Amino acid sequence: IIIQDWNGKRKYEKMLAAGWTVDHIVPRALSR
């Protein structure tokens, strides 16, 4: 997910609203 992008933020918020929790995040250096 590109959280800075509108679609990415919407996907992230929908997952949280559906009861999912974030276990961990792996940042990418070369891509957003």
PDB file of all heavy atoms in Angstrom:
ATOM      1  N   ILE A   1       0.840  -1.203   0.000  1.00  0.00           N
ATOM      2  CA  ILE A   1       0.000   0.000   0.000  1.00  0.00           C
ATOM      3  C   ILE A   1       0.872   1.249   0.000  1.00  0.00           C
ATOM      4  O   ILE A   1       1.862   1.323   0.729  1.00  0.00           O
ATOM      5  CB  ILE A   1      -0.909   0.022   1.242  1.00  0.00           C
ATOM      6  CG1 ILE A   1      -1.839  -1.189   1.251  1.00  0.00           C
ATOM      7  CG2 ILE A   1      -1.714   1.311   1.298  1.00  0.00           C
ATOM      8  CD1 ILE A   1      -2.677  -1.294   2.509  1.00  0.00           C
ATOM      9  N   ILE A   2       0.475   2.221  -0.815  1.00  0.00           N
ATOM     10  CA  ILE A   2       1.087   3.558  -0.771  1.00  0.00           C
ATOM     11  C   ILE A   2       0.149   4.400   0.084  1.00  0.00           C
ATOM     12  O   ILE A   2      -0.910   4.841  -0.364  1.00  0.00           O
ATOM     13  CB  ILE A   2       1.244   4.159  -2.178  1.00  0.00           C
ATOM     14  CG1 ILE A   2       2.116   3.263  -3.040  1.00  0.00           C
ATOM     15  CG2 ILE A   2       1.833   5.563  -2.091  1.00  0.00           C
ATOM     16  CD1 ILE A   2       2.161   3.675  -4.499  1.00  0.00           C
ATOM     17  N   ILE A   3       0.496   4.575   1.349  1.00  0.00           N
ATOM     18  CA  ILE A   3      -0.400   5.228   2.303  1.00  0.00           C
ATOM     19  C   ILE A   3      -0.571   6.718   1.995  1.00  0.00           C
ATOM     20  O   ILE A   3      -1.581   7.322   2.355  1.00  0.00           O
ATOM     21  CB  ILE A   3       0.082   4.980   3.750  1.00  0.00           C
ATOM     22  CG1 ILE A   3      -1.076   5.060   4.736  1.00  0.00           C
ATOM     23  CG2 ILE A   3       1.151   5.946   4.153  1.00  0.00           C
ATOM     24  CD1 ILE A   3      -1.990   3.889   4.705  1.00  0.00           C
ATOM     25  N   GLN A   4       0.397   7.337   1.301  1.00  0.00           N
ATOM     26  CA  GLN A   4       0.292   8.757   0.963  1.00  0.00           C
ATOM     27  C   GLN A   4      -0.709   8.984  -0.168  1.00  0.00           C
ATOM     28  O   GLN A   4      -1.184  10.092  -0.359  1.00  0.00           O
ATOM     29  CB  GLN A   4       1.661   9.311   0.546  1.00  0.00           C
ATOM     30  CG  GLN A   4       2.686   9.333   1.633  1.00  0.00           C
ATOM     31  CD  GLN A   4       3.455   8.019   1.741  1.00  0.00           C
ATOM     32  OE1 GLN A   4       3.175   7.061   1.044  1.00  0.00           O
ATOM     33  NE2 GLN A   4       4.425   7.985   2.634  1.00  0.00           N
ATOM     34  N   ASP A   5      -1.019   7.941  -0.913  1.00  0.00           N
ATOM     35  CA  ASP A   5      -1.954   8.022  -2.028  1.00  0.00           C
ATOM     36  C   ASP A   5      -3.384   7.898  -1.489  1.00  0.00           C
ATOM     37  O   ASP A   5      -3.633   7.179  -0.521  1.00  0.00           O
ATOM     38  CB  ASP A   5      -1.646   6.887  -3.011  1.00  0.00           C
ATOM     39  CG  ASP A   5      -2.455   6.967  -4.277  1.00  0.00           C
ATOM     40  OD1 ASP A   5      -2.779   8.086  -4.703  1.00  0.00           O
ATOM     41  OD2 ASP A   5      -2.767   5.905  -4.837  1.00  0.00           O
ATOM     42  N   TRP A   6      -4.345   8.548  -2.122  1.00  0.00           N
ATOM     43  CA  TRP A   6      -5.727   8.537  -1.666  1.00  0.00           C
ATOM     44  C   TRP A   6      -6.289   7.119  -1.667  1.00  0.00           C
ATOM     45  O   TRP A   6      -6.934   6.697  -0.707  1.00  0.00           O
ATOM     46  CB  TRP A   6      -6.567   9.461  -2.546  1.00  0.00           C
ATOM     47  CG  TRP A   6      -7.984   9.558  -2.076  1.00  0.00           C
ATOM     48  CD1 TRP A   6      -8.446  10.344  -1.072  1.00  0.00           C
ATOM     49  CD2 TRP A   6      -9.101   8.843  -2.581  1.00  0.00           C
ATOM     50  NE1 TRP A   6      -9.800  10.159  -0.909  1.00  0.00           N
ATOM     51  CE2 TRP A   6     -10.227   9.231  -1.840  1.00  0.00           C
ATOM     52  CE3 TRP A   6      -9.278   7.911  -3.593  1.00  0.00           C
ATOM     53  CZ2 TRP A   6     -11.496   8.735  -2.077  1.00  0.00           C
ATOM     54  CZ3 TRP A   6     -10.545   7.412  -3.822  1.00  0.00           C
ATOM     55  CH2 TRP A   6     -11.634   7.825  -3.067  1.00  0.00           C
ATOM     56  N   ASN A   7      -6.052   6.353  -2.745  1.00  0.00           N
ATOM     57  CA  ASN A   7      -6.557   4.982  -2.821  1.00  0.00           C
ATOM     58  C   ASN A   7      -5.903   4.091  -1.768  1.00  0.00           C
ATOM     59  O   ASN A   7      -6.556   3.228  -1.183  1.00  0.00           O
ATOM     60  CB  ASN A   7      -6.337   4.385  -4.206  1.00  0.00           C
ATOM     61  CG  ASN A   7      -7.349   4.873  -5.211  1.00  0.00           C
ATOM     62  OD1 ASN A   7      -8.464   5.220  -4.844  1.00  0.00           O
ATOM     63  ND2 ASN A   7      -6.966   4.911  -6.467  1.00  0.00           N
ATOM     64  N   GLY A   8      -4.629   4.284  -1.537  1.00  0.00           N
ATOM     65  CA  GLY A   8      -3.924   3.505  -0.529  1.00  0.00           C
ATOM     66  C   GLY A   8      -4.447   3.779   0.866  1.00  0.00           C
ATOM     67  O   GLY A   8      -4.645   2.866   1.670  1.00  0.00           O
ATOM     68  N   LYS A   9      -4.691   5.037   1.148  1.00  0.00           N
ATOM     69  CA  LYS A   9      -5.224   5.411   2.461  1.00  0.00           C
ATOM     70  C   LYS A   9      -6.615   4.821   2.654  1.00  0.00           C
ATOM     71  O   LYS A   9      -6.964   4.341   3.730  1.00  0.00           O
ATOM     72  CB  LYS A   9      -5.253   6.923   2.606  1.00  0.00           C
ATOM     73  CG  LYS A   9      -5.658   7.379   3.971  1.00  0.00           C
ATOM     74  CD  LYS A   9      -5.474   8.855   4.133  1.00  0.00           C
ATOM     75  CE  LYS A   9      -5.863   9.247   5.540  1.00  0.00           C
ATOM     76  NZ  LYS A   9      -5.038  10.265   6.091  1.00  0.00           N
ATOM     77  N   ARG A  10      -7.422   4.842   1.594  1.00  0.00           N
ATOM     78  CA  ARG A  10      -8.777   4.281   1.667  1.00  0.00           C
ATOM     79  C   ARG A  10      -8.735   2.773   1.910  1.00  0.00           C
ATOM     80  O   ARG A  10      -9.483   2.240   2.732  1.00  0.00           O
ATOM     81  CB  ARG A  10      -9.543   4.590   0.393  1.00  0.00           C
ATOM     82  CG  ARG A  10     -11.032   4.308   0.538  1.00  0.00           C
ATOM     83  CD  ARG A  10     -11.792   4.711  -0.672  1.00  0.00           C
ATOM     84  NE  ARG A  10     -11.588   3.642  -1.649  1.00  0.00           N
ATOM     85  CZ  ARG A  10     -11.860   3.724  -2.931  1.00  0.00           C
ATOM     86  NH1 ARG A  10     -12.315   4.839  -3.419  1.00  0.00           N
ATOM     87  NH2 ARG A  10     -11.655   2.719  -3.734  1.00  0.00           N
ATOM     88  N   LYS A  11      -7.819   2.042   1.221  1.00  0.00           N
ATOM     89  CA  LYS A  11      -7.667   0.597   1.436  1.00  0.00           C
ATOM     90  C   LYS A  11      -7.281   0.310   2.885  1.00  0.00           C
ATOM     91  O   LYS A  11      -7.833  -0.595   3.521  1.00  0.00           O
ATOM     92  CB  LYS A  11      -6.577   0.020   0.527  1.00  0.00           C
ATOM     93  CG  LYS A  11      -6.976  -0.215  -0.882  1.00  0.00           C
ATOM     94  CD  LYS A  11      -5.808  -0.867  -1.611  1.00  0.00           C
ATOM     95  CE  LYS A  11      -5.948  -0.768  -3.093  1.00  0.00           C
ATOM     96  NZ  LYS A  11      -4.775  -1.300  -3.785  1.00  0.00           N
ATOM     97  N   TYR A  12      -6.336   1.081   3.394  1.00  0.00           N
ATOM     98  CA  TYR A  12      -5.862   0.916   4.765  1.00  0.00           C
ATOM     99  C   TYR A  12      -7.001   1.129   5.769  1.00  0.00           C
ATOM    100  O   TYR A  12      -7.209   0.324   6.675  1.00  0.00           O
ATOM    101  CB  TYR A  12      -4.716   1.906   5.013  1.00  0.00           C
ATOM    102  CG  TYR A  12      -4.149   1.880   6.392  1.00  0.00           C
ATOM    103  CD1 TYR A  12      -3.238   0.901   6.768  1.00  0.00           C
ATOM    104  CD2 TYR A  12      -4.506   2.849   7.329  1.00  0.00           C
ATOM    105  CE1 TYR A  12      -2.705   0.885   8.050  1.00  0.00           C
ATOM    106  CE2 TYR A  12      -3.976   2.839   8.606  1.00  0.00           C
ATOM    107  CZ  TYR A  12      -3.077   1.848   8.963  1.00  0.00           C
ATOM    108  OH  TYR A  12      -2.556   1.832  10.221  1.00  0.00           O
ATOM    109  N   GLU A  13      -7.773   2.189   5.577  1.00  0.00           N
ATOM    110  CA  GLU A  13      -8.875   2.491   6.484  1.00  0.00           C
ATOM    111  C   GLU A  13      -9.984   1.443   6.406  1.00  0.00           C
ATOM    112  O   GLU A  13     -10.591   1.093   7.417  1.00  0.00           O
ATOM    113  CB  GLU A  13      -9.432   3.881   6.194  1.00  0.00           C
ATOM    114  CG  GLU A  13      -8.475   4.985   6.612  1.00  0.00           C
ATOM    115  CD  GLU A  13      -8.903   6.367   6.167  1.00  0.00           C
ATOM    116  OE1 GLU A  13      -9.863   6.480   5.358  1.00  0.00           O
ATOM    117  OE2 GLU A  13      -8.286   7.341   6.618  1.00  0.00           O
ATOM    118  N   LYS A  14     -10.248   0.903   5.201  1.00  0.00           N
ATOM    119  CA  LYS A  14     -11.257  -0.136   5.049  1.00  0.00           C
ATOM    120  C   LYS A  14     -10.851  -1.417   5.766  1.00  0.00           C
ATOM    121  O   LYS A  14     -11.681  -2.095   6.371  1.00  0.00           O
ATOM    122  CB  LYS A  14     -11.507  -0.431   3.569  1.00  0.00           C
ATOM    123  CG  LYS A  14     -12.377   0.603   2.874  1.00  0.00           C
ATOM    124  CD  LYS A  14     -12.560   0.306   1.413  1.00  0.00           C
ATOM    125  CE  LYS A  14     -13.494  -0.850   1.216  1.00  0.00           C
ATOM    126  NZ  LYS A  14     -13.794  -1.085  -0.214  1.00  0.00           N
ATOM    127  N   MET A  15      -9.579  -1.765   5.710  1.00  0.00           N
ATOM    128  CA  MET A  15      -9.093  -2.957   6.402  1.00  0.00           C
ATOM    129  C   MET A  15      -9.262  -2.800   7.914  1.00  0.00           C
ATOM    130  O   MET A  15      -9.723  -3.720   8.591  1.00  0.00           O
ATOM    131  CB  MET A  15      -7.628  -3.222   6.058  1.00  0.00           C
ATOM    132  CG  MET A  15      -7.383  -3.633   4.624  1.00  0.00           C
ATOM    133  SD  MET A  15      -8.081  -5.227   4.222  1.00  0.00           S
ATOM    134  CE  MET A  15      -6.930  -6.303   5.046  1.00  0.00           C
ATOM    135  N   LEU A  16      -8.905  -1.634   8.443  1.00  0.00           N
ATOM    136  CA  LEU A  16      -9.052  -1.397   9.879  1.00  0.00           C
ATOM    137  C   LEU A  16     -10.521  -1.412  10.293  1.00  0.00           C
ATOM    138  O   LEU A  16     -10.881  -1.953  11.342  1.00  0.00           O
ATOM    139  CB  LEU A  16      -8.396  -0.079  10.279  1.00  0.00           C
ATOM    140  CG  LEU A  16      -6.876  -0.007  10.121  1.00  0.00           C
ATOM    141  CD1 LEU A  16      -6.374   1.360  10.550  1.00  0.00           C
ATOM    142  CD2 LEU A  16      -6.187  -1.109  10.904  1.00  0.00           C
ATOM    143  N   ALA A  17     -11.389  -0.836   9.461  1.00  0.00           N
ATOM    144  CA  ALA A  17     -12.820  -0.803   9.774  1.00  0.00           C
ATOM    145  C   ALA A  17     -13.435  -2.202   9.734  1.00  0.00           C
ATOM    146  O   ALA A  17     -14.408  -2.467  10.440  1.00  0.00           O
ATOM    147  CB  ALA A  17     -13.543   0.114   8.794  1.00  0.00           C
ATOM    148  N   ALA A  18     -12.857  -3.107   8.950  1.00  0.00           N
ATOM    149  CA  ALA A  18     -13.370  -4.472   8.838  1.00  0.00           C
ATOM    150  C   ALA A  18     -12.858  -5.378   9.951  1.00  0.00           C
ATOM    151  O   ALA A  18     -13.136  -6.573   9.956  1.00  0.00           O
ATOM    152  CB  ALA A  18     -12.993  -5.056   7.474  1.00  0.00           C
ATOM    153  N   GLY A  19     -12.096  -4.834  10.892  1.00  0.00           N
ATOM    154  CA  GLY A  19     -11.649  -5.614  12.035  1.00  0.00           C
ATOM    155  C   GLY A  19     -10.238  -6.160  11.933  1.00  0.00           C
ATOM    156  O   GLY A  19      -9.805  -6.921  12.792  1.00  0.00           O
ATOM    157  N   TRP A  20      -9.503  -5.799  10.896  1.00  0.00           N
ATOM    158  CA  TRP A  20      -8.124  -6.241  10.754  1.00  0.00           C
ATOM    159  C   TRP A  20      -7.216  -5.356  11.611  1.00  0.00           C
ATOM    160  O   TRP A  20      -7.492  -4.181  11.796  1.00  0.00           O
ATOM    161  CB  TRP A  20      -7.681  -6.143   9.290  1.00  0.00           C
ATOM    162  CG  TRP A  20      -8.384  -7.099   8.375  1.00  0.00           C
ATOM    163  CD1 TRP A  20      -9.566  -6.881   7.736  1.00  0.00           C
ATOM    164  CD2 TRP A  20      -7.959  -8.401   8.003  1.00  0.00           C
ATOM    165  NE1 TRP A  20      -9.900  -7.973   6.981  1.00  0.00           N
ATOM    166  CE2 TRP A  20      -8.924  -8.925   7.127  1.00  0.00           C
ATOM    167  CE3 TRP A  20      -6.852  -9.182   8.318  1.00  0.00           C
ATOM    168  CZ2 TRP A  20      -8.814 -10.198   6.573  1.00  0.00           C
ATOM    169  CZ3 TRP A  20      -6.748 -10.439   7.755  1.00  0.00           C
ATOM    170  CH2 TRP A  20      -7.716 -10.941   6.903  1.00  0.00           C
ATOM    171  N   THR A  21      -6.136  -5.919  12.117  1.00  0.00           N
ATOM    172  CA  THR A  21      -5.132  -5.141  12.835  1.00  0.00           C
ATOM    173  C   THR A  21      -3.807  -5.259  12.085  1.00  0.00           C
ATOM    174  O   THR A  21      -3.552  -6.255  11.404  1.00  0.00           O
ATOM    175  CB  THR A  21      -4.933  -5.644  14.282  1.00  0.00           C
ATOM    176  OG1 THR A  21      -4.568  -7.017  14.242  1.00  0.00           O
ATOM    177  CG2 THR A  21      -6.185  -5.472  15.106  1.00  0.00           C
ATOM    178  N   VAL A  22      -2.964  -4.255  12.203  1.00  0.00           N
ATOM    179  CA  VAL A  22      -1.666  -4.251  11.526  1.00  0.00           C
ATOM    180  C   VAL A  22      -0.667  -4.985  12.421  1.00  0.00           C
ATOM    181  O   VAL A  22      -0.420  -4.575  13.552  1.00  0.00           O
ATOM    182  CB  VAL A  22      -1.181  -2.809  11.252  1.00  0.00           C
ATOM    183  CG1 VAL A  22       0.186  -2.824  10.588  1.00  0.00           C
ATOM    184  CG2 VAL A  22      -2.181  -2.070  10.391  1.00  0.00           C
ATOM    185  N   ASP A  23      -0.116  -6.089  11.908  1.00  0.00           N
ATOM    186  CA  ASP A  23       0.902  -6.830  12.660  1.00  0.00           C
ATOM    187  C   ASP A  23       2.259  -6.160  12.523  1.00  0.00           C
ATOM    188  O   ASP A  23       2.938  -5.926  13.507  1.00  0.00           O
ATOM    189  CB  ASP A  23       1.004  -8.273  12.185  1.00  0.00           C
ATOM    190  CG  ASP A  23      -0.056  -9.150  12.816  1.00  0.00           C
ATOM    191  OD1 ASP A  23      -0.723  -8.705  13.762  1.00  0.00           O
ATOM    192  OD2 ASP A  23      -0.209 -10.294  12.364  1.00  0.00           O
ATOM    193  N   HIS A  24       2.659  -5.892  11.298  1.00  0.00           N
ATOM    194  CA  HIS A  24       3.906  -5.157  11.088  1.00  0.00           C
ATOM    195  C   HIS A  24       3.933  -4.543   9.700  1.00  0.00           C
ATOM    196  O   HIS A  24       3.159  -4.916   8.830  1.00  0.00           O
ATOM    197  CB  HIS A  24       5.145  -6.024  11.357  1.00  0.00           C
ATOM    198  CG  HIS A  24       5.272  -7.204  10.460  1.00  0.00           C
ATOM    199  ND1 HIS A  24       4.643  -8.388  10.704  1.00  0.00           N
ATOM    200  CD2 HIS A  24       5.981  -7.387   9.327  1.00  0.00           C
ATOM    201  CE1 HIS A  24       4.944  -9.262   9.753  1.00  0.00           C
ATOM    202  NE2 HIS A  24       5.737  -8.680   8.906  1.00  0.00           N
ATOM    203  N   ILE A  25       4.831  -3.591   9.535  1.00  0.00           N
ATOM    204  CA  ILE A  25       4.986  -2.846   8.288  1.00  0.00           C
ATOM    205  C   ILE A  25       6.431  -2.994   7.831  1.00  0.00           C
ATOM    206  O   ILE A  25       7.354  -2.818   8.619  1.00  0.00           O
ATOM    207  CB  ILE A  25       4.663  -1.355   8.489  1.00  0.00           C
ATOM    208  CG1 ILE A  25       3.243  -1.191   9.029  1.00  0.00           C
ATOM    209  CG2 ILE A  25       4.849  -0.577   7.201  1.00  0.00           C
ATOM    210  CD1 ILE A  25       2.948   0.199   9.537  1.00  0.00           C
ATOM    211  N   VAL A  26       6.607  -3.319   6.546  1.00  0.00           N
ATOM    212  CA  VAL A  26       7.950  -3.409   5.966  1.00  0.00           C
ATOM    213  C   VAL A  26       8.100  -2.240   4.997  1.00  0.00           C
ATOM    214  O   VAL A  26       7.502  -2.234   3.922  1.00  0.00           O
ATOM    215  CB  VAL A  26       8.150  -4.752   5.224  1.00  0.00           C
ATOM    216  CG1 VAL A  26       9.549  -4.821   4.639  1.00  0.00           C
ATOM    217  CG2 VAL A  26       7.878  -5.920   6.147  1.00  0.00           C
ATOM    218  N   PRO A  27       8.869  -1.212   5.377  1.00  0.00           N
ATOM    219  CA  PRO A  27       9.030  -0.063   4.483  1.00  0.00           C
ATOM    220  C   PRO A  27       9.893  -0.415   3.277  1.00  0.00           C
ATOM    221  O   PRO A  27      10.774  -1.275   3.358  1.00  0.00           O
ATOM    222  CB  PRO A  27       9.710   0.985   5.359  1.00  0.00           C
ATOM    223  CG  PRO A  27      10.319   0.244   6.473  1.00  0.00           C
ATOM    224  CD  PRO A  27       9.566  -1.038   6.635  1.00  0.00           C
ATOM    225  N   ARG A  28       9.632   0.232   2.179  1.00  0.00           N
ATOM    226  CA  ARG A  28      10.403   0.041   0.950  1.00  0.00           C
ATOM    227  C   ARG A  28      11.226   1.278   0.677  1.00  0.00           C
ATOM    228  O   ARG A  28      10.703   2.391   0.695  1.00  0.00           O
ATOM    229  CB  ARG A  28       9.480  -0.238  -0.235  1.00  0.00           C
ATOM    230  CG  ARG A  28       8.703  -1.503  -0.094  1.00  0.00           C
ATOM    231  CD  ARG A  28       9.617  -2.677  -0.323  1.00  0.00           C
ATOM    232  NE  ARG A  28       8.875  -3.913  -0.169  1.00  0.00           N
ATOM    233  CZ  ARG A  28       9.386  -5.010   0.326  1.00  0.00           C
ATOM    234  NH1 ARG A  28      10.626  -5.033   0.729  1.00  0.00           N
ATOM    235  NH2 ARG A  28       8.669  -6.087   0.434  1.00  0.00           N
ATOM    236  N   ALA A  29      12.485   1.091   0.403  1.00  0.00           N
ATOM    237  CA  ALA A  29      13.378   2.227   0.193  1.00  0.00           C
ATOM    238  C   ALA A  29      13.268   2.782  -1.227  1.00  0.00           C
ATOM    239  O   ALA A  29      13.291   3.989  -1.428  1.00  0.00           O
ATOM    240  CB  ALA A  29      14.815   1.813   0.475  1.00  0.00           C
ATOM    241  N   LEU A  30      13.136   1.917  -2.213  1.00  0.00           N
ATOM    242  CA  LEU A  30      13.179   2.372  -3.601  1.00  0.00           C
ATOM    243  C   LEU A  30      11.812   2.688  -4.190  1.00  0.00           C
ATOM    244  O   LEU A  30      11.718   3.427  -5.153  1.00  0.00           O
ATOM    245  CB  LEU A  30      13.889   1.333  -4.469  1.00  0.00           C
ATOM    246  CG  LEU A  30      15.347   1.075  -4.077  1.00  0.00           C
ATOM    247  CD1 LEU A  30      15.934  -0.011  -4.968  1.00  0.00           C
ATOM    248  CD2 LEU A  30      16.174   2.339  -4.190  1.00  0.00           C
ATOM    249  N   SER A  31      10.761   2.112  -3.634  1.00  0.00           N
ATOM    250  CA  SER A  31       9.431   2.445  -4.134  1.00  0.00           C
ATOM    251  C   SER A  31       8.648   3.115  -3.019  1.00  0.00           C
ATOM    252  O   SER A  31       9.006   3.051  -1.854  1.00  0.00           O
ATOM    253  CB  SER A  31       8.702   1.184  -4.609  1.00  0.00           C
ATOM    254  OG  SER A  31       8.367   0.375  -3.508  1.00  0.00           O
ATOM    255  N   ARG A  32       7.554   3.746  -3.376  1.00  0.00           N
ATOM    256  CA  ARG A  32       6.763   4.452  -2.374  1.00  0.00           C
ATOM    257  C   ARG A  32       5.900   3.508  -1.555  1.00  0.00           C
ATOM    258  O   ARG A  32       5.463   3.851  -0.472  1.00  0.00           O
ATOM    259  CB  ARG A  32       5.876   5.480  -3.073  1.00  0.00           C
ATOM    260  CG  ARG A  32       6.678   6.600  -3.683  1.00  0.00           C
ATOM    261  CD  ARG A  32       5.838   7.557  -4.506  1.00  0.00           C
ATOM    262  NE  ARG A  32       4.475   7.729  -4.044  1.00  0.00           N
ATOM    263  CZ  ARG A  32       3.473   8.068  -4.827  1.00  0.00           C
ATOM    264  NH1 ARG A  32       3.663   8.248  -6.102  1.00  0.00           N
ATOM    265  NH2 ARG A  32       2.274   8.221  -4.343  1.00  0.00           N
TER     266      ARG A  32
END
